[in-house]
């Protein structure tokens, strides 16, 4: 089973969040479970080529 990290917080009545590797793409849900389902859908869209020009966080090693 694959896991991905995400950032989440509650704002009023809504849960907001984004995938750690894709901080420019946020989603929301009325419940934490709904937020997690929306994040899964978002990941499929981002990795499936459904969104053009996707920006992703990467690491660079410096000597």
PDB file of N, CA and C in Angstrom:
ATOM      1  N   UNK A   1       0.835  -1.172   0.000  1.00  0.00           N
ATOM      2  CA  UNK A   1       0.000   0.000   0.000  1.00  0.00           C
ATOM      3  C   UNK A   1       0.886   1.243   0.000  1.00  0.00           C
ATOM      4  N   UNK A   2       0.597   2.165  -0.885  1.00  0.00           N
ATOM      5  CA  UNK A   2       1.352   3.406  -1.002  1.00  0.00           C
ATOM      6  C   UNK A   2       0.764   4.454  -0.055  1.00  0.00           C
ATOM      7  N   UNK A   3       1.616   5.240   0.542  1.00  0.00           N
ATOM      8  CA  UNK A   3       1.152   6.341   1.383  1.00  0.00           C
ATOM      9  C   UNK A   3       1.756   7.647   0.873  1.00  0.00           C
ATOM     10  N   UNK A   4       1.028   8.728   1.055  1.00  0.00           N
ATOM     11  CA  UNK A   4       1.525  10.063   0.736  1.00  0.00           C
ATOM     12  C   UNK A   4       1.224  10.963   1.930  1.00  0.00           C
ATOM     13  N   UNK A   5       2.079  11.922   2.135  1.00  0.00           N
ATOM     14  CA  UNK A   5       1.890  12.844   3.258  1.00  0.00           C
ATOM     15  C   UNK A   5       1.056  14.032   2.796  1.00  0.00           C
ATOM     16  N   UNK A   6       0.239  14.547   3.718  1.00  0.00           N
ATOM     17  CA  UNK A   6      -0.546  15.725   3.408  1.00  0.00           C
ATOM     18  C   UNK A   6      -0.618  16.637   4.624  1.00  0.00           C
ATOM     19  N   UNK A   7      -0.910  17.891   4.348  1.00  0.00           N
ATOM     20  CA  UNK A   7      -1.055  18.909   5.376  1.00  0.00           C
ATOM     21  C   UNK A   7      -2.545  19.212   5.484  1.00  0.00           C
ATOM     22  N   UNK A   8      -3.056  19.303   6.717  1.00  0.00           N
ATOM     23  CA  UNK A   8      -4.483  19.577   6.897  1.00  0.00           C
ATOM     24  C   UNK A   8      -4.693  20.530   8.056  1.00  0.00           C
ATOM     25  N   UNK A   9      -5.804  21.266   7.991  1.00  0.00           N
ATOM     26  CA  UNK A   9      -6.203  22.140   9.083  1.00  0.00           C
ATOM     27  C   UNK A   9      -7.697  22.416   8.958  1.00  0.00           C
ATOM     28  N   UNK A  10      -8.270  22.821  10.057  1.00  0.00           N
ATOM     29  CA  UNK A  10      -9.692  23.128  10.076  1.00  0.00           C
ATOM     30  C   UNK A  10      -9.868  24.641  10.063  1.00  0.00           C
ATOM     31  N   UNK A  11     -10.744  25.116   9.188  1.00  0.00           N
ATOM     32  CA  UNK A  11     -11.043  26.537   9.070  1.00  0.00           C
ATOM     33  C   UNK A  11     -12.555  26.682   9.137  1.00  0.00           C
ATOM     34  N   UNK A  12     -13.052  27.113  10.268  1.00  0.00           N
ATOM     35  CA  UNK A  12     -14.502  27.185  10.447  1.00  0.00           C
ATOM     36  C   UNK A  12     -15.079  25.776  10.464  1.00  0.00           C
ATOM     37  N   UNK A  13     -16.017  25.525   9.572  1.00  0.00           N
ATOM     38  CA  UNK A  13     -16.662  24.214   9.496  1.00  0.00           C
ATOM     39  C   UNK A  13     -16.005  23.277   8.488  1.00  0.00           C
ATOM     40  N   UNK A  14     -14.980  23.740   7.779  1.00  0.00           N
ATOM     41  CA  UNK A  14     -14.378  22.956   6.698  1.00  0.00           C
ATOM     42  C   UNK A  14     -12.969  22.497   7.051  1.00  0.00           C
ATOM     43  N   UNK A  15     -12.608  21.320   6.530  1.00  0.00           N
ATOM     44  CA  UNK A  15     -11.238  20.822   6.575  1.00  0.00           C
ATOM     45  C   UNK A  15     -10.576  21.206   5.263  1.00  0.00           C
ATOM     46  N   UNK A  16      -9.398  21.802   5.327  1.00  0.00           N
ATOM     47  CA  UNK A  16      -8.620  22.182   4.151  1.00  0.00           C
ATOM     48  C   UNK A  16      -7.326  21.402   4.151  1.00  0.00           C
ATOM     49  N   UNK A  17      -6.788  21.140   2.969  1.00  0.00           N
ATOM     50  CA  UNK A  17      -5.533  20.421   2.924  1.00  0.00           C
ATOM     51  C   UNK A  17      -4.923  20.381   1.538  1.00  0.00           C
ATOM     52  N   UNK A  18      -3.660  19.939   1.515  1.00  0.00           N
ATOM     53  CA  UNK A  18      -2.952  19.746   0.250  1.00  0.00           C
ATOM     54  C   UNK A  18      -1.935  18.629   0.428  1.00  0.00           C
ATOM     55  N   UNK A  19      -1.535  18.044  -0.672  1.00  0.00           N
ATOM     56  CA  UNK A  19      -0.530  16.984  -0.669  1.00  0.00           C
ATOM     57  C   UNK A  19       0.851  17.630  -0.507  1.00  0.00           C
ATOM     58  N   UNK A  20       1.669  17.048   0.335  1.00  0.00           N
ATOM     59  CA  UNK A  20       2.974  17.634   0.632  1.00  0.00           C
ATOM     60  C   UNK A  20       3.812  17.855  -0.633  1.00  0.00           C
ATOM     61  N   UNK A  21       3.737  16.949  -1.585  1.00  0.00           N
ATOM     62  CA  UNK A  21       4.518  17.072  -2.824  1.00  0.00           C
ATOM     63  C   UNK A  21       3.926  18.079  -3.804  1.00  0.00           C
ATOM     64  N   UNK A  22       2.675  18.476  -3.586  1.00  0.00           N
ATOM     65  CA  UNK A  22       1.978  19.384  -4.499  1.00  0.00           C
ATOM     66  C   UNK A  22       1.326  20.526  -3.707  1.00  0.00           C
ATOM     67  N   UNK A  23       2.101  21.408  -3.101  1.00  0.00           N
ATOM     68  CA  UNK A  23       1.522  22.427  -2.214  1.00  0.00           C
ATOM     69  C   UNK A  23       0.675  23.485  -2.923  1.00  0.00           C
ATOM     70  N   UNK A  24       0.761  23.576  -4.234  1.00  0.00           N
ATOM     71  CA  UNK A  24      -0.017  24.586  -4.964  1.00  0.00           C
ATOM     72  C   UNK A  24      -1.464  24.161  -5.209  1.00  0.00           C
ATOM     73  N   UNK A  25      -1.816  22.929  -4.858  1.00  0.00           N
ATOM     74  CA  UNK A  25      -3.134  22.394  -5.193  1.00  0.00           C
ATOM     75  C   UNK A  25      -3.866  21.980  -3.923  1.00  0.00           C
ATOM     76  N   UNK A  26      -4.784  22.832  -3.482  1.00  0.00           N
ATOM     77  CA  UNK A  26      -5.525  22.570  -2.248  1.00  0.00           C
ATOM     78  C   UNK A  26      -6.902  22.005  -2.558  1.00  0.00           C
ATOM     79  N   UNK A  27      -7.468  21.329  -1.556  1.00  0.00           N
ATOM     80  CA  UNK A  27      -8.836  20.860  -1.644  1.00  0.00           C
ATOM     81  C   UNK A  27      -9.456  20.979  -0.260  1.00  0.00           C
ATOM     82  N   UNK A  28     -10.732  20.626  -0.146  1.00  0.00           N
ATOM     83  CA  UNK A  28     -11.433  20.776   1.123  1.00  0.00           C
ATOM     84  C   UNK A  28     -12.483  19.697   1.283  1.00  0.00           C
ATOM     85  N   UNK A  29     -13.013  19.596   2.491  1.00  0.00           N
ATOM     86  CA  UNK A  29     -14.095  18.658   2.778  1.00  0.00           C
ATOM     87  C   UNK A  29     -14.818  19.082   4.044  1.00  0.00           C
ATOM     88  N   UNK A  30     -16.072  18.689   4.147  1.00  0.00           N
ATOM     89  CA  UNK A  30     -16.845  19.007   5.348  1.00  0.00           C
ATOM     90  C   UNK A  30     -16.409  18.146   6.528  1.00  0.00           C
ATOM     91  N   UNK A  31     -15.838  16.971   6.236  1.00  0.00           N
ATOM     92  CA  UNK A  31     -15.313  16.085   7.275  1.00  0.00           C
ATOM     93  C   UNK A  31     -13.879  15.723   6.905  1.00  0.00           C
ATOM     94  N   UNK A  32     -13.150  15.205   7.883  1.00  0.00           N
ATOM     95  CA  UNK A  32     -11.780  14.771   7.616  1.00  0.00           C
ATOM     96  C   UNK A  32     -11.774  13.644   6.587  1.00  0.00           C
ATOM     97  N   UNK A  33     -12.721  12.734   6.680  1.00  0.00           N
ATOM     98  CA  UNK A  33     -12.806  11.633   5.713  1.00  0.00           C
ATOM     99  C   UNK A  33     -13.061  12.157   4.299  1.00  0.00           C
ATOM    100  N   UNK A  34     -13.948  13.149   4.171  1.00  0.00           N
ATOM    101  CA  UNK A  34     -14.221  13.733   2.857  1.00  0.00           C
ATOM    102  C   UNK A  34     -12.977  14.429   2.308  1.00  0.00           C
ATOM    103  N   UNK A  35     -12.247  15.135   3.177  1.00  0.00           N
ATOM    104  CA  UNK A  35     -10.997  15.762   2.747  1.00  0.00           C
ATOM    105  C   UNK A  35     -10.037  14.708   2.218  1.00  0.00           C
ATOM    106  N   UNK A  36      -9.873  13.603   2.933  1.00  0.00           N
ATOM    107  CA  UNK A  36      -8.960  12.545   2.504  1.00  0.00           C
ATOM    108  C   UNK A  36      -9.387  11.957   1.163  1.00  0.00           C
ATOM    109  N   UNK A  37     -10.679  11.759   0.956  1.00  0.00           N
ATOM    110  CA  UNK A  37     -11.157  11.255  -0.340  1.00  0.00           C
ATOM    111  C   UNK A  37     -10.872  12.263  -1.448  1.00  0.00           C
ATOM    112  N   UNK A  38     -11.079  13.540  -1.175  1.00  0.00           N
ATOM    113  CA  UNK A  38     -10.793  14.579  -2.166  1.00  0.00           C
ATOM    114  C   UNK A  38      -9.300  14.658  -2.475  1.00  0.00           C
ATOM    115  N   UNK A  39      -8.466  14.445  -1.467  1.00  0.00           N
ATOM    116  CA  UNK A  39      -7.016  14.418  -1.700  1.00  0.00           C
ATOM    117  C   UNK A  39      -6.616  13.239  -2.583  1.00  0.00           C
ATOM    118  N   UNK A  40      -7.255  12.095  -2.394  1.00  0.00           N
ATOM    119  CA  UNK A  40      -6.979  10.928  -3.248  1.00  0.00           C
ATOM    120  C   UNK A  40      -7.365  11.231  -4.688  1.00  0.00           C
ATOM    121  N   UNK A  41      -8.535  11.847  -4.885  1.00  0.00           N
ATOM    122  CA  UNK A  41      -8.974  12.218  -6.234  1.00  0.00           C
ATOM    123  C   UNK A  41      -8.014  13.228  -6.855  1.00  0.00           C
ATOM    124  N   UNK A  42      -7.585  14.196  -6.052  1.00  0.00           N
ATOM    125  CA  UNK A  42      -6.647  15.201  -6.534  1.00  0.00           C
ATOM    126  C   UNK A  42      -5.333  14.556  -6.967  1.00  0.00           C
ATOM    127  N   UNK A  43      -4.834  13.611  -6.181  1.00  0.00           N
ATOM    128  CA  UNK A  43      -3.592  12.923  -6.533  1.00  0.00           C
ATOM    129  C   UNK A  43      -3.735  12.194  -7.868  1.00  0.00           C
ATOM    130  N   UNK A  44      -4.860  11.554  -8.077  1.00  0.00           N
ATOM    131  CA  UNK A  44      -5.080  10.866  -9.358  1.00  0.00           C
ATOM    132  C   UNK A  44      -5.064  11.859 -10.512  1.00  0.00           C
ATOM    133  N   UNK A  45      -5.709  13.014 -10.323  1.00  0.00           N
ATOM    134  CA  UNK A  45      -5.714  14.034 -11.374  1.00  0.00           C
ATOM    135  C   UNK A  45      -4.314  14.580 -11.635  1.00  0.00           C
ATOM    136  N   UNK A  46      -3.554  14.823 -10.559  1.00  0.00           N
ATOM    137  CA  UNK A  46      -2.219  15.389 -10.711  1.00  0.00           C
ATOM    138  C   UNK A  46      -1.246  14.420 -11.360  1.00  0.00           C
ATOM    139  N   UNK A  47      -1.329  13.157 -11.021  1.00  0.00           N
ATOM    140  CA  UNK A  47      -0.382  12.170 -11.555  1.00  0.00           C
ATOM    141  C   UNK A  47      -0.880  11.513 -12.836  1.00  0.00           C
ATOM    142  N   UNK A  48      -2.147  11.687 -13.153  1.00  0.00           N
ATOM    143  CA  UNK A  48      -2.713  11.065 -14.340  1.00  0.00           C
ATOM    144  C   UNK A  48      -2.695  11.925 -15.579  1.00  0.00           C
ATOM    145  N   UNK A  49      -2.096  13.103 -15.494  1.00  0.00           N
ATOM    146  CA  UNK A  49      -1.997  13.962 -16.661  1.00  0.00           C
ATOM    147  C   UNK A  49      -3.265  14.748 -16.958  1.00  0.00           C
ATOM    148  N   UNK A  50      -4.181  14.819 -16.016  1.00  0.00           N
ATOM    149  CA  UNK A  50      -5.445  15.535 -16.230  1.00  0.00           C
ATOM    150  C   UNK A  50      -5.318  17.035 -15.990  1.00  0.00           C
ATOM    151  N   UNK A  51      -4.245  17.454 -15.327  1.00  0.00           N
ATOM    152  CA  UNK A  51      -4.011  18.865 -15.037  1.00  0.00           C
ATOM    153  C   UNK A  51      -2.704  19.268 -15.722  1.00  0.00           C
ATOM    154  N   UNK A  52      -2.758  20.226 -16.641  1.00  0.00           N
ATOM    155  CA  UNK A  52      -1.524  20.621 -17.344  1.00  0.00           C
ATOM    156  C   UNK A  52      -0.616  21.473 -16.469  1.00  0.00           C
ATOM    157  N   UNK A  53       0.697  21.366 -16.708  1.00  0.00           N
ATOM    158  CA  UNK A  53       1.677  22.215 -16.041  1.00  0.00           C
ATOM    159  C   UNK A  53       1.770  22.020 -14.540  1.00  0.00           C
ATOM    160  N   UNK A  54       1.655  20.784 -14.081  1.00  0.00           N
ATOM    161  CA  UNK A  54       1.675  20.494 -12.652  1.00  0.00           C
ATOM    162  C   UNK A  54       3.049  20.829 -12.064  1.00  0.00           C
ATOM    163  N   UNK A  55       3.051  21.564 -10.959  1.00  0.00           N
ATOM    164  CA  UNK A  55       4.283  21.869 -10.241  1.00  0.00           C
ATOM    165  C   UNK A  55       4.388  20.938  -9.046  1.00  0.00           C
ATOM    166  N   UNK A  56       5.588  20.435  -8.793  1.00  0.00           N
ATOM    167  CA  UNK A  56       5.819  19.477  -7.733  1.00  0.00           C
ATOM    168  C   UNK A  56       7.061  19.872  -6.940  1.00  0.00           C
ATOM    169  N   UNK A  57       7.042  19.630  -5.650  1.00  0.00           N
ATOM    170  CA  UNK A  57       8.209  19.881  -4.796  1.00  0.00           C
ATOM    171  C   UNK A  57       9.245  18.810  -5.067  1.00  0.00           C
ATOM    172  N   UNK A  58      10.510  19.196  -5.121  1.00  0.00           N
ATOM    173  CA  UNK A  58      11.606  18.256  -5.315  1.00  0.00           C
ATOM    174  C   UNK A  58      12.749  18.652  -4.383  1.00  0.00           C
ATOM    175  N   UNK A  59      13.720  17.782  -4.260  1.00  0.00           N
ATOM    176  CA  UNK A  59      14.893  18.042  -3.433  1.00  0.00           C
ATOM    177  C   UNK A  59      16.127  18.111  -4.318  1.00  0.00           C
ATOM    178  N   UNK A  60      17.042  18.960  -3.926  1.00  0.00           N
ATOM    179  CA  UNK A  60      18.296  19.128  -4.644  1.00  0.00           C
ATOM    180  C   UNK A  60      19.428  18.912  -3.647  1.00  0.00           C
ATOM    181  N   UNK A  61      20.339  18.008  -3.960  1.00  0.00           N
ATOM    182  CA  UNK A  61      21.474  17.769  -3.078  1.00  0.00           C
ATOM    183  C   UNK A  61      22.596  18.713  -3.437  1.00  0.00           C
ATOM    184  N   UNK A  62      23.139  19.353  -2.408  1.00  0.00           N
ATOM    185  CA  UNK A  62      24.255  20.270  -2.583  1.00  0.00           C
ATOM    186  C   UNK A  62      25.464  19.671  -1.882  1.00  0.00           C
ATOM    187  N   UNK A  63      26.573  19.647  -2.589  1.00  0.00           N
ATOM    188  CA  UNK A  63      27.793  19.036  -2.039  1.00  0.00           C
ATOM    189  C   UNK A  63      28.286  19.711  -0.809  1.00  0.00           C
TER     190      UNK A  63
END
